[in-house]
Amino acid sequence: MGTRPKPADIDAYIAATAPEVRGILEEIRRIVKTQVPEATETISYQMPTFRLKRIFFHFAAFKTHIGIYPPVKGDEALQQDLLPYRGEKGNLKFPLNQPIPYELIRRVAAALAQENG
């Protein structure tokens, strides 16, 4: 994220990103809002964030990937599907030079809402 100014909200965060990733971020936002309609939006750790009783989903644009945090636990089938996207600490990294697996992100949002929301 580098020297990006601290965003006031998710709209400001997305507006400050590279034009080629804005659509991806908007789609991830739409997926989470559709999957977990009662979630509220905020900024935490300078990233777009969703919360229920507590924070359950962060996402962010980086130079070469989209990151999603925190790591997902449980659900063995989901764990297997996420293996190609796992970062060194279990966070998810979706490379920008590959198609974004939006259906998988939908499953992640649902699992994180259940685990952490």
N, C-alpha and C. Protein backbone atom coordinates (compact mmCIF):
# COMPACT_ATOMS: atom_id res chain seq x y z
N MET A 1 0.82 -1.18 0.00
CA MET A 1 0.00 0.00 0.00
C MET A 1 0.87 1.25 0.00
N GLY A 2 2.04 1.19 0.51
CA GLY A 2 2.99 2.28 0.38
C GLY A 2 2.57 3.57 1.05
N THR A 3 2.70 4.69 0.34
CA THR A 3 2.45 6.01 0.91
C THR A 3 1.04 6.52 0.61
N ARG A 4 0.15 5.64 0.34
CA ARG A 4 -1.24 6.02 0.08
C ARG A 4 -1.80 6.76 1.29
N PRO A 5 -2.51 7.88 1.08
CA PRO A 5 -3.09 8.59 2.23
C PRO A 5 -4.14 7.73 2.92
N LYS A 6 -4.35 7.99 4.23
CA LYS A 6 -5.32 7.22 4.99
C LYS A 6 -6.73 7.53 4.46
N PRO A 7 -7.43 6.51 3.98
CA PRO A 7 -8.77 6.74 3.42
C PRO A 7 -9.81 6.96 4.51
N ALA A 8 -10.79 7.81 4.20
CA ALA A 8 -11.87 8.09 5.14
C ALA A 8 -12.90 6.97 5.15
N ASP A 9 -13.08 6.32 4.00
CA ASP A 9 -14.07 5.25 3.87
C ASP A 9 -13.69 4.36 2.69
N ILE A 10 -14.49 3.33 2.44
CA ILE A 10 -14.17 2.39 1.37
C ILE A 10 -14.23 3.07 0.00
N ASP A 11 -15.16 3.98 -0.19
CA ASP A 11 -15.21 4.71 -1.47
C ASP A 11 -13.89 5.44 -1.73
N ALA A 12 -13.37 6.11 -0.72
CA ALA A 12 -12.11 6.84 -0.87
C ALA A 12 -10.95 5.88 -1.12
N TYR A 13 -10.96 4.75 -0.44
CA TYR A 13 -9.91 3.75 -0.65
C TYR A 13 -9.90 3.30 -2.10
N ILE A 14 -11.06 2.91 -2.61
CA ILE A 14 -11.14 2.40 -3.97
C ILE A 14 -10.77 3.49 -4.97
N ALA A 15 -11.21 4.71 -4.74
CA ALA A 15 -10.90 5.82 -5.65
C ALA A 15 -9.40 6.08 -5.73
N ALA A 16 -8.67 5.77 -4.67
CA ALA A 16 -7.22 6.02 -4.64
C ALA A 16 -6.40 4.89 -5.25
N THR A 17 -7.04 3.80 -5.66
CA THR A 17 -6.31 2.67 -6.23
C THR A 17 -6.17 2.83 -7.74
N ALA A 18 -5.33 2.00 -8.33
CA ALA A 18 -5.13 2.01 -9.78
C ALA A 18 -6.44 1.69 -10.49
N PRO A 19 -6.70 2.38 -11.59
CA PRO A 19 -7.97 2.17 -12.30
C PRO A 19 -8.25 0.71 -12.65
N GLU A 20 -7.22 -0.05 -12.95
CA GLU A 20 -7.43 -1.44 -13.37
C GLU A 20 -7.86 -2.36 -12.22
N VAL A 21 -7.72 -1.93 -10.97
CA VAL A 21 -8.17 -2.78 -9.86
C VAL A 21 -9.46 -2.31 -9.22
N ARG A 22 -9.92 -1.13 -9.58
CA ARG A 22 -11.14 -0.60 -8.94
C ARG A 22 -12.35 -1.51 -9.13
N GLY A 23 -12.52 -2.04 -10.32
CA GLY A 23 -13.65 -2.95 -10.58
C GLY A 23 -13.57 -4.22 -9.74
N ILE A 24 -12.37 -4.73 -9.56
CA ILE A 24 -12.17 -5.92 -8.73
C ILE A 24 -12.56 -5.63 -7.28
N LEU A 25 -12.09 -4.49 -6.77
CA LEU A 25 -12.41 -4.12 -5.39
C LEU A 25 -13.91 -3.88 -5.21
N GLU A 26 -14.53 -3.24 -6.18
CA GLU A 26 -15.98 -3.01 -6.11
C GLU A 26 -16.74 -4.33 -6.12
N GLU A 27 -16.26 -5.29 -6.91
CA GLU A 27 -16.94 -6.59 -6.96
C GLU A 27 -16.77 -7.33 -5.64
N ILE A 28 -15.59 -7.29 -5.04
CA ILE A 28 -15.40 -7.93 -3.73
C ILE A 28 -16.31 -7.28 -2.69
N ARG A 29 -16.38 -5.97 -2.72
CA ARG A 29 -17.26 -5.24 -1.81
C ARG A 29 -18.72 -5.68 -2.01
N ARG A 30 -19.16 -5.77 -3.25
CA ARG A 30 -20.52 -6.18 -3.56
C ARG A 30 -20.79 -7.60 -3.07
N ILE A 31 -19.82 -8.48 -3.27
CA ILE A 31 -19.96 -9.88 -2.83
C ILE A 31 -20.16 -9.94 -1.33
N VAL A 32 -19.32 -9.24 -0.57
CA VAL A 32 -19.43 -9.29 0.89
C VAL A 32 -20.76 -8.70 1.34
N LYS A 33 -21.16 -7.58 0.74
CA LYS A 33 -22.42 -6.95 1.13
C LYS A 33 -23.62 -7.84 0.79
N THR A 34 -23.53 -8.57 -0.30
CA THR A 34 -24.61 -9.49 -0.69
C THR A 34 -24.62 -10.72 0.21
N GLN A 35 -23.44 -11.25 0.50
CA GLN A 35 -23.32 -12.47 1.30
C GLN A 35 -23.66 -12.21 2.76
N VAL A 36 -23.30 -11.02 3.26
CA VAL A 36 -23.50 -10.68 4.67
C VAL A 36 -24.14 -9.28 4.74
N PRO A 37 -25.42 -9.17 4.37
CA PRO A 37 -26.04 -7.85 4.24
C PRO A 37 -26.10 -7.04 5.54
N GLU A 38 -26.04 -7.70 6.67
CA GLU A 38 -26.10 -6.97 7.94
C GLU A 38 -24.74 -6.39 8.35
N ALA A 39 -23.67 -6.70 7.60
CA ALA A 39 -22.34 -6.19 7.92
C ALA A 39 -22.26 -4.69 7.65
N THR A 40 -21.45 -4.02 8.45
CA THR A 40 -21.21 -2.59 8.24
C THR A 40 -19.79 -2.41 7.71
N GLU A 41 -19.62 -1.32 6.95
CA GLU A 41 -18.33 -1.01 6.35
C GLU A 41 -17.56 -0.04 7.23
N THR A 42 -16.24 -0.21 7.23
CA THR A 42 -15.36 0.72 7.92
C THR A 42 -13.98 0.61 7.29
N ILE A 43 -13.05 1.38 7.81
CA ILE A 43 -11.64 1.26 7.44
C ILE A 43 -10.90 0.86 8.70
N SER A 44 -10.07 -0.16 8.59
CA SER A 44 -9.25 -0.60 9.71
C SER A 44 -7.90 -1.03 9.14
N TYR A 45 -6.83 -0.63 9.80
CA TYR A 45 -5.48 -0.88 9.28
C TYR A 45 -5.34 -0.32 7.86
N GLN A 46 -6.03 0.78 7.58
CA GLN A 46 -6.04 1.46 6.29
C GLN A 46 -6.54 0.57 5.16
N MET A 47 -7.39 -0.41 5.50
CA MET A 47 -7.97 -1.32 4.51
C MET A 47 -9.49 -1.30 4.61
N PRO A 48 -10.17 -1.52 3.49
CA PRO A 48 -11.62 -1.72 3.56
C PRO A 48 -11.91 -2.92 4.46
N THR A 49 -12.89 -2.74 5.32
CA THR A 49 -13.17 -3.73 6.36
C THR A 49 -14.68 -3.86 6.56
N PHE A 50 -15.11 -5.08 6.87
CA PHE A 50 -16.50 -5.33 7.21
C PHE A 50 -16.57 -5.88 8.62
N ARG A 51 -17.62 -5.49 9.33
CA ARG A 51 -17.78 -5.97 10.70
C ARG A 51 -19.24 -6.35 10.95
N LEU A 52 -19.41 -7.29 11.86
CA LEU A 52 -20.71 -7.61 12.43
C LEU A 52 -20.59 -7.16 13.88
N LYS A 53 -20.56 -8.09 14.82
CA LYS A 53 -20.28 -7.69 16.21
C LYS A 53 -18.83 -7.27 16.34
N ARG A 54 -17.99 -7.84 15.49
CA ARG A 54 -16.58 -7.47 15.42
C ARG A 54 -16.11 -7.61 13.98
N ILE A 55 -14.91 -7.18 13.73
CA ILE A 55 -14.36 -7.22 12.36
C ILE A 55 -14.21 -8.67 11.92
N PHE A 56 -14.63 -8.93 10.68
CA PHE A 56 -14.47 -10.28 10.15
C PHE A 56 -13.82 -10.35 8.78
N PHE A 57 -13.68 -9.24 8.06
CA PHE A 57 -13.18 -9.31 6.68
C PHE A 57 -12.46 -8.01 6.32
N HIS A 58 -11.19 -8.13 5.93
CA HIS A 58 -10.42 -7.01 5.38
C HIS A 58 -10.05 -7.39 3.95
N PHE A 59 -9.97 -6.39 3.07
CA PHE A 59 -9.40 -6.64 1.75
C PHE A 59 -8.61 -5.43 1.31
N ALA A 60 -7.62 -5.66 0.44
CA ALA A 60 -6.74 -4.57 0.04
C ALA A 60 -6.09 -4.87 -1.30
N ALA A 61 -5.78 -3.80 -2.00
CA ALA A 61 -5.07 -3.91 -3.28
C ALA A 61 -3.58 -3.67 -3.05
N PHE A 62 -2.79 -4.52 -3.64
CA PHE A 62 -1.34 -4.38 -3.63
C PHE A 62 -0.86 -4.34 -5.08
N LYS A 63 0.42 -4.18 -5.26
CA LYS A 63 0.95 -4.03 -6.61
C LYS A 63 0.63 -5.22 -7.51
N THR A 64 0.73 -6.44 -6.97
CA THR A 64 0.56 -7.63 -7.80
C THR A 64 -0.60 -8.54 -7.39
N HIS A 65 -1.30 -8.17 -6.31
CA HIS A 65 -2.37 -9.05 -5.85
C HIS A 65 -3.41 -8.29 -5.04
N ILE A 66 -4.53 -8.98 -4.78
CA ILE A 66 -5.54 -8.52 -3.83
C ILE A 66 -5.39 -9.41 -2.61
N GLY A 67 -5.30 -8.79 -1.44
CA GLY A 67 -5.18 -9.55 -0.20
C GLY A 67 -6.50 -9.58 0.55
N ILE A 68 -6.77 -10.70 1.19
CA ILE A 68 -7.95 -10.85 2.05
C ILE A 68 -7.47 -11.42 3.38
N TYR A 69 -7.97 -10.84 4.47
CA TYR A 69 -7.56 -11.18 5.83
C TYR A 69 -8.80 -11.27 6.71
N PRO A 70 -8.78 -11.92 7.83
CA PRO A 70 -7.75 -12.80 8.36
C PRO A 70 -7.83 -14.17 7.70
N PRO A 71 -6.93 -15.09 8.07
CA PRO A 71 -6.98 -16.44 7.50
C PRO A 71 -8.30 -17.13 7.84
N VAL A 72 -8.75 -17.96 6.94
CA VAL A 72 -9.96 -18.75 7.15
C VAL A 72 -9.57 -20.05 7.84
N LYS A 73 -10.40 -20.47 8.80
CA LYS A 73 -10.17 -21.74 9.50
C LYS A 73 -11.34 -22.67 9.18
N GLY A 74 -11.21 -23.91 9.57
CA GLY A 74 -12.31 -24.86 9.39
C GLY A 74 -12.61 -25.17 7.93
N ASP A 75 -13.75 -25.79 7.67
CA ASP A 75 -14.24 -26.14 6.33
C ASP A 75 -13.12 -26.70 5.44
N GLU A 76 -12.90 -27.99 5.54
CA GLU A 76 -11.81 -28.64 4.82
C GLU A 76 -11.89 -28.46 3.30
N ALA A 77 -13.08 -28.51 2.74
CA ALA A 77 -13.22 -28.33 1.28
C ALA A 77 -12.76 -26.92 0.89
N LEU A 78 -13.16 -25.93 1.67
CA LEU A 78 -12.74 -24.56 1.39
C LEU A 78 -11.23 -24.44 1.57
N GLN A 79 -10.68 -25.04 2.60
CA GLN A 79 -9.24 -25.00 2.82
C GLN A 79 -8.47 -25.54 1.61
N GLN A 80 -8.94 -26.63 1.06
CA GLN A 80 -8.28 -27.22 -0.11
C GLN A 80 -8.35 -26.27 -1.31
N ASP A 81 -9.51 -25.65 -1.51
CA ASP A 81 -9.68 -24.73 -2.64
C ASP A 81 -8.82 -23.48 -2.50
N LEU A 82 -8.48 -23.12 -1.27
CA LEU A 82 -7.69 -21.91 -1.01
C LEU A 82 -6.19 -22.13 -1.07
N LEU A 83 -5.74 -23.38 -1.10
CA LEU A 83 -4.30 -23.66 -1.06
C LEU A 83 -3.48 -22.84 -2.06
N PRO A 84 -3.92 -22.69 -3.31
CA PRO A 84 -3.09 -21.93 -4.26
C PRO A 84 -2.96 -20.44 -3.93
N TYR A 85 -3.80 -19.95 -3.05
CA TYR A 85 -3.85 -18.52 -2.75
C TYR A 85 -3.31 -18.18 -1.35
N ARG A 86 -2.87 -19.17 -0.61
CA ARG A 86 -2.40 -18.94 0.76
C ARG A 86 -1.07 -18.20 0.77
N GLY A 87 -1.02 -17.17 1.61
CA GLY A 87 0.24 -16.47 1.85
C GLY A 87 0.98 -17.15 2.99
N GLU A 88 2.12 -16.60 3.33
CA GLU A 88 2.97 -17.22 4.35
C GLU A 88 2.33 -17.25 5.74
N LYS A 89 1.40 -16.36 6.04
CA LYS A 89 0.73 -16.36 7.35
C LYS A 89 -0.72 -16.83 7.26
N GLY A 90 -1.08 -17.45 6.14
CA GLY A 90 -2.44 -17.95 5.97
C GLY A 90 -3.38 -16.97 5.33
N ASN A 91 -2.93 -15.71 5.19
CA ASN A 91 -3.76 -14.73 4.50
C ASN A 91 -3.88 -15.13 3.03
N LEU A 92 -4.83 -14.54 2.35
CA LEU A 92 -5.08 -14.92 0.95
C LEU A 92 -4.53 -13.86 0.01
N LYS A 93 -3.90 -14.34 -1.07
CA LYS A 93 -3.35 -13.46 -2.10
C LYS A 93 -3.88 -13.92 -3.45
N PHE A 94 -4.68 -13.05 -4.07
CA PHE A 94 -5.24 -13.36 -5.38
C PHE A 94 -4.47 -12.54 -6.42
N PRO A 95 -3.62 -13.21 -7.23
CA PRO A 95 -2.78 -12.49 -8.19
C PRO A 95 -3.62 -11.71 -9.21
N LEU A 96 -3.16 -10.51 -9.50
CA LEU A 96 -3.87 -9.66 -10.46
C LEU A 96 -3.65 -10.11 -11.90
N ASN A 97 -2.67 -10.96 -12.13
CA ASN A 97 -2.43 -11.44 -13.50
C ASN A 97 -3.18 -12.73 -13.80
N GLN A 98 -4.11 -13.11 -12.93
CA GLN A 98 -4.97 -14.28 -13.12
C GLN A 98 -6.42 -13.87 -12.89
N PRO A 99 -7.37 -14.63 -13.43
CA PRO A 99 -8.77 -14.32 -13.16
C PRO A 99 -9.05 -14.38 -11.64
N ILE A 100 -9.79 -13.41 -11.16
CA ILE A 100 -10.13 -13.39 -9.73
C ILE A 100 -11.25 -14.39 -9.48
N PRO A 101 -11.07 -15.32 -8.54
CA PRO A 101 -12.09 -16.35 -8.26
C PRO A 101 -13.19 -15.80 -7.34
N TYR A 102 -14.11 -15.05 -7.91
CA TYR A 102 -15.13 -14.37 -7.11
C TYR A 102 -16.02 -15.35 -6.33
N GLU A 103 -16.33 -16.50 -6.90
CA GLU A 103 -17.15 -17.47 -6.18
C GLU A 103 -16.40 -17.97 -4.94
N LEU A 104 -15.12 -18.15 -5.04
CA LEU A 104 -14.31 -18.56 -3.90
C LEU A 104 -14.29 -17.45 -2.85
N ILE A 105 -14.20 -16.21 -3.28
CA ILE A 105 -14.22 -15.07 -2.35
C ILE A 105 -15.57 -15.00 -1.64
N ARG A 106 -16.64 -15.32 -2.34
CA ARG A 106 -17.97 -15.37 -1.70
C ARG A 106 -17.97 -16.39 -0.57
N ARG A 107 -17.39 -17.56 -0.83
CA ARG A 107 -17.31 -18.60 0.19
C ARG A 107 -16.45 -18.16 1.37
N VAL A 108 -15.36 -17.45 1.09
CA VAL A 108 -14.49 -16.93 2.13
C VAL A 108 -15.23 -15.93 3.00
N ALA A 109 -15.97 -15.01 2.36
CA ALA A 109 -16.73 -14.01 3.12
C ALA A 109 -17.73 -14.68 4.05
N ALA A 110 -18.43 -15.68 3.56
CA ALA A 110 -19.40 -16.39 4.40
C ALA A 110 -18.72 -17.10 5.56
N ALA A 111 -17.58 -17.77 5.28
CA ALA A 111 -16.87 -18.48 6.33
C ALA A 111 -16.31 -17.52 7.37
N LEU A 112 -15.72 -16.41 6.94
CA LEU A 112 -15.18 -15.45 7.90
C LEU A 112 -16.26 -14.79 8.73
N ALA A 113 -17.41 -14.52 8.13
CA ALA A 113 -18.53 -13.94 8.90
C ALA A 113 -18.97 -14.92 9.98
N GLN A 114 -19.03 -16.20 9.64
CA GLN A 114 -19.44 -17.20 10.61
C GLN A 114 -18.37 -17.37 11.70
N GLU A 115 -17.09 -17.40 11.31
CA GLU A 115 -16.00 -17.63 12.27
C GLU A 115 -15.75 -16.44 13.17
N ASN A 116 -15.75 -15.23 12.59
CA ASN A 116 -15.25 -14.06 13.30
C ASN A 116 -16.30 -12.98 13.54
N GLY A 117 -17.43 -13.08 12.85
CA GLY A 117 -18.42 -12.00 12.93
C GLY A 117 -19.24 -12.07 14.19
